[in-house]
Amino acid sequence: PLLLLMTAVNIGGDLQSAFDPLMIKIALLSKAGQSVLVLFFGFLFVLLWISLFQNQRPIPGILGFTLILSSFSLYGHSTINGFSSQLLIVLHLGAISFWVGSFLPLRYSTQGKFEEENLFQIAHQFGVYAVYYIGVLLITGLTLGTILVGGIEQLVTSDYGKALSLIHISEPTRRRGISY
């Protein structure tokens, strides 16, 4: 609900827009508002899954996580190239989620609750899965970045491409007349 009010403020241009029914209605009808609603229902399904089903029935959790991931594909840069870029952002964020989630067993194992042999197995499995997560992250990230900036060359040479890919290649300052 707070994100929806923030969307109304963004559309209306002032804080009073958060309480204006017309601005809230416009926010609900906008792509940003629809994205917020999908995100909200995704979190609601995950919350219900955790609290009511205690991980016994995976369908509400899978639906919730799918809604959360797909909310990012409804609005913003991911809509530039249609379905392909939307699929890429969902795969990219899904890989990030699994990668970050895979740190939990690794962290738990460092608290002294496993024997040495189990620690080796957990660390090995983490490394095996990380290869796939990082691979998906790199492939989807580079492909999506290339789509967003218009080509692989722009991903490396343009300021936006550098910021997007976190590549800090210094350009000669005389070229732009800017000193750093």
C-alpha atoms as a PDB file:
ATOM      1  CA  PRO A   1       0.000   0.000   0.000  1.00  0.00           C
ATOM      2  CA  LEU A   2       2.833   2.433   0.768  1.00  0.00           C
ATOM      3  CA  LEU A   3       4.354   1.894  -2.691  1.00  0.00           C
ATOM      4  CA  LEU A   4       0.985   2.661  -4.245  1.00  0.00           C
ATOM      5  CA  LEU A   5       0.758   5.915  -2.287  1.00  0.00           C
ATOM      6  CA  MET A   6       4.297   6.770  -3.372  1.00  0.00           C
ATOM      7  CA  THR A   7       3.262   6.144  -6.971  1.00  0.00           C
ATOM      8  CA  ALA A   8       0.341   8.550  -6.507  1.00  0.00           C
ATOM      9  CA  VAL A   9       2.754  11.147  -5.081  1.00  0.00           C
ATOM     10  CA  ASN A  10       5.063  10.655  -8.047  1.00  0.00           C
ATOM     11  CA  ILE A  11       2.197  11.123 -10.508  1.00  0.00           C
ATOM     12  CA  GLY A  12       0.679  14.090  -8.686  1.00  0.00           C
ATOM     13  CA  GLY A  13       3.961  15.785  -7.927  1.00  0.00           C
ATOM     14  CA  ASP A  14       3.291  16.592  -4.281  1.00  0.00           C
ATOM     15  CA  LEU A  15       2.703  14.859  -0.955  1.00  0.00           C
ATOM     16  CA  GLN A  16      -1.014  15.681  -0.953  1.00  0.00           C
ATOM     17  CA  SER A  17      -1.449  13.396  -3.957  1.00  0.00           C
ATOM     18  CA  ALA A  18      -1.019  10.389  -1.658  1.00  0.00           C
ATOM     19  CA  PHE A  19      -4.406  11.224  -0.124  1.00  0.00           C
ATOM     20  CA  ASP A  20      -6.178  12.330  -3.298  1.00  0.00           C
ATOM     21  CA  PRO A  21      -8.596   9.589  -4.448  1.00  0.00           C
ATOM     22  CA  LEU A  22      -8.219  10.644  -8.091  1.00  0.00           C
ATOM     23  CA  MET A  23      -4.407  10.355  -7.942  1.00  0.00           C
ATOM     24  CA  ILE A  24      -4.658   6.975  -6.208  1.00  0.00           C
ATOM     25  CA  LYS A  25      -7.067   5.784  -8.915  1.00  0.00           C
ATOM     26  CA  ILE A  26      -4.692   7.011 -11.637  1.00  0.00           C
ATOM     27  CA  ALA A  27      -1.827   5.289  -9.833  1.00  0.00           C
ATOM     28  CA  LEU A  28      -3.807   2.032  -9.723  1.00  0.00           C
ATOM     29  CA  LEU A  29      -4.478   2.237 -13.463  1.00  0.00           C
ATOM     30  CA  SER A  30      -0.854   3.031 -14.348  1.00  0.00           C
ATOM     31  CA  LYS A  31       1.724   0.376 -15.172  1.00  0.00           C
ATOM     32  CA  ALA A  32       3.627   1.329 -12.017  1.00  0.00           C
ATOM     33  CA  GLY A  33       0.486   0.825  -9.927  1.00  0.00           C
ATOM     34  CA  GLN A  34      -0.253  -2.514 -11.563  1.00  0.00           C
ATOM     35  CA  SER A  35       3.305  -3.590 -10.839  1.00  0.00           C
ATOM     36  CA  VAL A  36       2.869  -2.593  -7.190  1.00  0.00           C
ATOM     37  CA  LEU A  37      -0.379  -4.594  -6.957  1.00  0.00           C
ATOM     38  CA  VAL A  38       1.252  -7.711  -8.434  1.00  0.00           C
ATOM     39  CA  LEU A  39       4.154  -7.271  -5.995  1.00  0.00           C
ATOM     40  CA  PHE A  40       1.726  -6.869  -3.070  1.00  0.00           C
ATOM     41  CA  PHE A  41      -0.205 -10.031  -3.959  1.00  0.00           C
ATOM     42  CA  GLY A  42       3.066 -11.905  -4.410  1.00  0.00           C
ATOM     43  CA  PHE A  43       4.176 -10.986  -0.898  1.00  0.00           C
ATOM     44  CA  LEU A  44       0.697 -11.823   0.409  1.00  0.00           C
ATOM     45  CA  PHE A  45       0.882 -15.336  -1.097  1.00  0.00           C
ATOM     46  CA  VAL A  46       4.364 -15.867   0.359  1.00  0.00           C
ATOM     47  CA  LEU A  47       3.189 -14.662   3.772  1.00  0.00           C
ATOM     48  CA  LEU A  48       0.178 -17.008   3.667  1.00  0.00           C
ATOM     49  CA  TRP A  49       2.402 -19.865   2.534  1.00  0.00           C
ATOM     50  CA  ILE A  50       4.843 -19.333   5.399  1.00  0.00           C
ATOM     51  CA  SER A  51       2.233 -18.756   8.109  1.00  0.00           C
ATOM     52  CA  LEU A  52      -0.575 -21.153   7.142  1.00  0.00           C
ATOM     53  CA  PHE A  53       0.982 -23.982   5.195  1.00  0.00           C
ATOM     54  CA  GLN A  54       4.364 -24.024   6.954  1.00  0.00           C
ATOM     55  CA  ASN A  55       6.084 -24.961   3.698  1.00  0.00           C
ATOM     56  CA  GLN A  56       4.015 -28.159   3.305  1.00  0.00           C
ATOM     57  CA  ARG A  57       2.261 -27.095   0.113  1.00  0.00           C
ATOM     58  CA  PRO A  58       4.579 -25.382  -2.342  1.00  0.00           C
ATOM     59  CA  ILE A  59       1.960 -23.964  -4.753  1.00  0.00           C
ATOM     60  CA  PRO A  60       1.147 -20.740  -2.812  1.00  0.00           C
ATOM     61  CA  GLY A  61       4.865 -20.075  -2.303  1.00  0.00           C
ATOM     62  CA  ILE A  62       5.721 -20.708  -5.941  1.00  0.00           C
ATOM     63  CA  LEU A  63       2.825 -18.488  -7.035  1.00  0.00           C
ATOM     64  CA  GLY A  64       3.934 -15.767  -4.624  1.00  0.00           C
ATOM     65  CA  PHE A  65       7.559 -15.832  -5.763  1.00  0.00           C
ATOM     66  CA  THR A  66       6.444 -15.875  -9.409  1.00  0.00           C
ATOM     67  CA  LEU A  67       4.264 -12.814  -8.828  1.00  0.00           C
ATOM     68  CA  ILE A  68       7.078 -10.993  -7.034  1.00  0.00           C
ATOM     69  CA  LEU A  69       9.538 -11.679  -9.854  1.00  0.00           C
ATOM     70  CA  SER A  70       7.054 -10.862 -12.597  1.00  0.00           C
ATOM     71  CA  SER A  71       6.143  -7.539 -10.977  1.00  0.00           C
ATOM     72  CA  PHE A  72       9.550  -6.276 -12.103  1.00  0.00           C
ATOM     73  CA  SER A  73       8.734  -7.116 -15.711  1.00  0.00           C
ATOM     74  CA  LEU A  74       5.581  -4.992 -15.878  1.00  0.00           C
ATOM     75  CA  TYR A  75       7.126  -1.556 -15.593  1.00  0.00           C
ATOM     76  CA  GLY A  76      10.329   0.237 -16.436  1.00  0.00           C
ATOM     77  CA  HIS A  77      13.256  -0.678 -18.652  1.00  0.00           C
ATOM     78  CA  SER A  78      12.307  -4.325 -18.890  1.00  0.00           C
ATOM     79  CA  THR A  79       9.347  -3.456 -21.129  1.00  0.00           C
ATOM     80  CA  ILE A  80      11.544  -1.855 -23.826  1.00  0.00           C
ATOM     81  CA  ASN A  81      11.987  -4.968 -25.962  1.00  0.00           C
ATOM     82  CA  GLY A  82       8.770  -6.754 -25.061  1.00  0.00           C
ATOM     83  CA  PHE A  83       8.620 -10.323 -23.849  1.00  0.00           C
ATOM     84  CA  SER A  84      12.302 -11.125 -24.369  1.00  0.00           C
ATOM     85  CA  SER A  85      13.557  -8.392 -22.041  1.00  0.00           C
ATOM     86  CA  GLN A  86      10.779  -9.128 -19.553  1.00  0.00           C
ATOM     87  CA  LEU A  87      11.773 -12.794 -19.469  1.00  0.00           C
ATOM     88  CA  LEU A  88      15.430 -11.812 -19.072  1.00  0.00           C
ATOM     89  CA  ILE A  89      14.710  -9.592 -16.040  1.00  0.00           C
ATOM     90  CA  VAL A  90      12.644 -12.354 -14.395  1.00  0.00           C
ATOM     91  CA  LEU A  91      15.417 -14.912 -14.984  1.00  0.00           C
ATOM     92  CA  HIS A  92      18.062 -12.442 -13.789  1.00  0.00           C
ATOM     93  CA  LEU A  93      16.223 -11.581 -10.580  1.00  0.00           C
ATOM     94  CA  GLY A  94      15.327 -15.241 -10.027  1.00  0.00           C
ATOM     95  CA  ALA A  95      18.997 -16.192 -10.255  1.00  0.00           C
ATOM     96  CA  ILE A  96      19.889 -13.413  -7.805  1.00  0.00           C
ATOM     97  CA  SER A  97      17.215 -14.671  -5.399  1.00  0.00           C
ATOM     98  CA  PHE A  98      18.429 -18.266  -5.516  1.00  0.00           C
ATOM     99  CA  TRP A  99      22.051 -17.199  -5.218  1.00  0.00           C
ATOM    100  CA  VAL A 100      21.410 -15.021  -2.169  1.00  0.00           C
ATOM    101  CA  GLY A 101      19.166 -17.727  -0.697  1.00  0.00           C
ATOM    102  CA  SER A 102      21.927 -20.285  -1.109  1.00  0.00           C
ATOM    103  CA  PHE A 103      24.044 -18.314   1.359  1.00  0.00           C
ATOM    104  CA  LEU A 104      21.672 -19.276   4.207  1.00  0.00           C
ATOM    105  CA  PRO A 105      22.793 -22.920   4.522  1.00  0.00           C
ATOM    106  CA  LEU A 106      26.394 -21.771   4.175  1.00  0.00           C
ATOM    107  CA  ARG A 107      25.918 -19.233   6.972  1.00  0.00           C
ATOM    108  CA  TYR A 108      24.107 -21.765   9.147  1.00  0.00           C
ATOM    109  CA  SER A 109      26.964 -24.207   8.677  1.00  0.00           C
ATOM    110  CA  THR A 110      29.510 -21.680   9.945  1.00  0.00           C
ATOM    111  CA  GLN A 111      27.768 -21.435  13.291  1.00  0.00           C
ATOM    112  CA  GLY A 112      29.252 -24.759  14.400  1.00  0.00           C
ATOM    113  CA  LYS A 113      26.141 -26.864  13.953  1.00  0.00           C
ATOM    114  CA  PHE A 114      27.583 -29.293  11.398  1.00  0.00           C
ATOM    115  CA  GLU A 115      30.410 -31.782  11.441  1.00  0.00           C
ATOM    116  CA  GLU A 116      33.424 -31.238   9.209  1.00  0.00           C
ATOM    117  CA  GLU A 117      32.262 -33.722   6.558  1.00  0.00           C
ATOM    118  CA  ASN A 118      28.877 -32.010   6.317  1.00  0.00           C
ATOM    119  CA  LEU A 119      30.599 -28.639   6.024  1.00  0.00           C
ATOM    120  CA  PHE A 120      32.575 -29.928   3.064  1.00  0.00           C
ATOM    121  CA  GLN A 121      29.414 -31.201   1.368  1.00  0.00           C
ATOM    122  CA  ILE A 122      27.540 -27.942   1.963  1.00  0.00           C
ATOM    123  CA  ALA A 123      30.436 -25.825   0.674  1.00  0.00           C
ATOM    124  CA  HIS A 124      30.827 -28.089  -2.346  1.00  0.00           C
ATOM    125  CA  GLN A 125      27.096 -27.913  -3.176  1.00  0.00           C
ATOM    126  CA  PHE A 126      27.186 -24.137  -2.757  1.00  0.00           C
ATOM    127  CA  GLY A 127      30.030 -23.962  -5.281  1.00  0.00           C
ATOM    128  CA  VAL A 128      28.252 -26.247  -7.753  1.00  0.00           C
ATOM    129  CA  TYR A 129      25.014 -24.252  -7.600  1.00  0.00           C
ATOM    130  CA  ALA A 130      26.868 -20.933  -7.669  1.00  0.00           C
ATOM    131  CA  VAL A 131      28.353 -21.814 -11.069  1.00  0.00           C
ATOM    132  CA  TYR A 132      24.836 -22.058 -12.496  1.00  0.00           C
ATOM    133  CA  TYR A 133      23.490 -18.976 -10.695  1.00  0.00           C
ATOM    134  CA  ILE A 134      26.445 -16.843 -11.729  1.00  0.00           C
ATOM    135  CA  GLY A 135      26.203 -18.173 -15.283  1.00  0.00           C
ATOM    136  CA  VAL A 136      22.528 -17.245 -15.545  1.00  0.00           C
ATOM    137  CA  LEU A 137      23.256 -13.879 -13.896  1.00  0.00           C
ATOM    138  CA  LEU A 138      26.026 -13.061 -16.371  1.00  0.00           C
ATOM    139  CA  ILE A 139      24.203 -14.234 -19.481  1.00  0.00           C
ATOM    140  CA  THR A 140      20.897 -12.566 -18.653  1.00  0.00           C
ATOM    141  CA  GLY A 141      22.572  -9.420 -17.315  1.00  0.00           C
ATOM    142  CA  LEU A 142      24.798  -8.938 -20.347  1.00  0.00           C
ATOM    143  CA  THR A 143      21.967  -9.704 -22.760  1.00  0.00           C
ATOM    144  CA  LEU A 144      19.540  -7.366 -21.009  1.00  0.00           C
ATOM    145  CA  GLY A 145      22.207  -4.664 -20.719  1.00  0.00           C
ATOM    146  CA  THR A 146      22.937  -4.971 -24.423  1.00  0.00           C
ATOM    147  CA  ILE A 147      19.229  -4.606 -25.210  1.00  0.00           C
ATOM    148  CA  LEU A 148      18.838  -1.589 -22.929  1.00  0.00           C
ATOM    149  CA  VAL A 149      21.772   0.397 -24.310  1.00  0.00           C
ATOM    150  CA  GLY A 150      21.412  -0.677 -27.932  1.00  0.00           C
ATOM    151  CA  GLY A 151      24.422  -2.926 -28.443  1.00  0.00           C
ATOM    152  CA  ILE A 152      27.481  -4.520 -26.900  1.00  0.00           C
ATOM    153  CA  GLU A 153      29.702  -1.597 -27.900  1.00  0.00           C
ATOM    154  CA  GLN A 154      27.450   0.901 -26.112  1.00  0.00           C
ATOM    155  CA  LEU A 155      27.490  -1.320 -23.047  1.00  0.00           C
ATOM    156  CA  VAL A 156      31.230  -0.753 -22.801  1.00  0.00           C
ATOM    157  CA  THR A 157      31.606   2.777 -24.187  1.00  0.00           C
ATOM    158  CA  SER A 158      28.549   4.794 -23.122  1.00  0.00           C
ATOM    159  CA  ASP A 159      28.278   6.317 -19.658  1.00  0.00           C
ATOM    160  CA  TYR A 160      24.929   4.616 -19.124  1.00  0.00           C
ATOM    161  CA  GLY A 161      26.353   1.265 -20.209  1.00  0.00           C
ATOM    162  CA  LYS A 162      29.310   1.634 -17.864  1.00  0.00           C
ATOM    163  CA  ALA A 163      27.067   2.545 -14.959  1.00  0.00           C
ATOM    164  CA  LEU A 164      24.705  -0.277 -15.805  1.00  0.00           C
ATOM    165  CA  SER A 165      27.422  -2.903 -16.008  1.00  0.00           C
ATOM    166  CA  LEU A 166      29.516  -1.370 -13.231  1.00  0.00           C
ATOM    167  CA  ILE A 167      32.509  -1.150 -15.528  1.00  0.00           C
ATOM    168  CA  HIS A 168      34.608   1.854 -14.664  1.00  0.00           C
ATOM    169  CA  ILE A 169      36.709   2.403 -17.739  1.00  0.00           C
ATOM    170  CA  SER A 170      38.237   5.833 -17.567  1.00  0.00           C
ATOM    171  CA  GLU A 171      37.953   7.887 -20.713  1.00  0.00           C
ATOM    172  CA  PRO A 172      40.508  10.537 -21.568  1.00  0.00           C
ATOM    173  CA  THR A 173      39.365  13.728 -19.879  1.00  0.00           C
ATOM    174  CA  ARG A 174      40.323  15.896 -22.863  1.00  0.00           C
ATOM    175  CA  ARG A 175      37.767  14.112 -25.001  1.00  0.00           C
ATOM    176  CA  ARG A 176      34.889  15.641 -23.073  1.00  0.00           C
ATOM    177  CA  GLY A 177      36.632  18.557 -21.461  1.00  0.00           C
ATOM    178  CA  ILE A 178      35.751  17.276 -18.004  1.00  0.00           C
ATOM    179  CA  SER A 179      38.284  16.824 -15.264  1.00  0.00           C
ATOM    180  CA  TYR A 180      37.674  14.239 -12.578  1.00  0.00           C
END
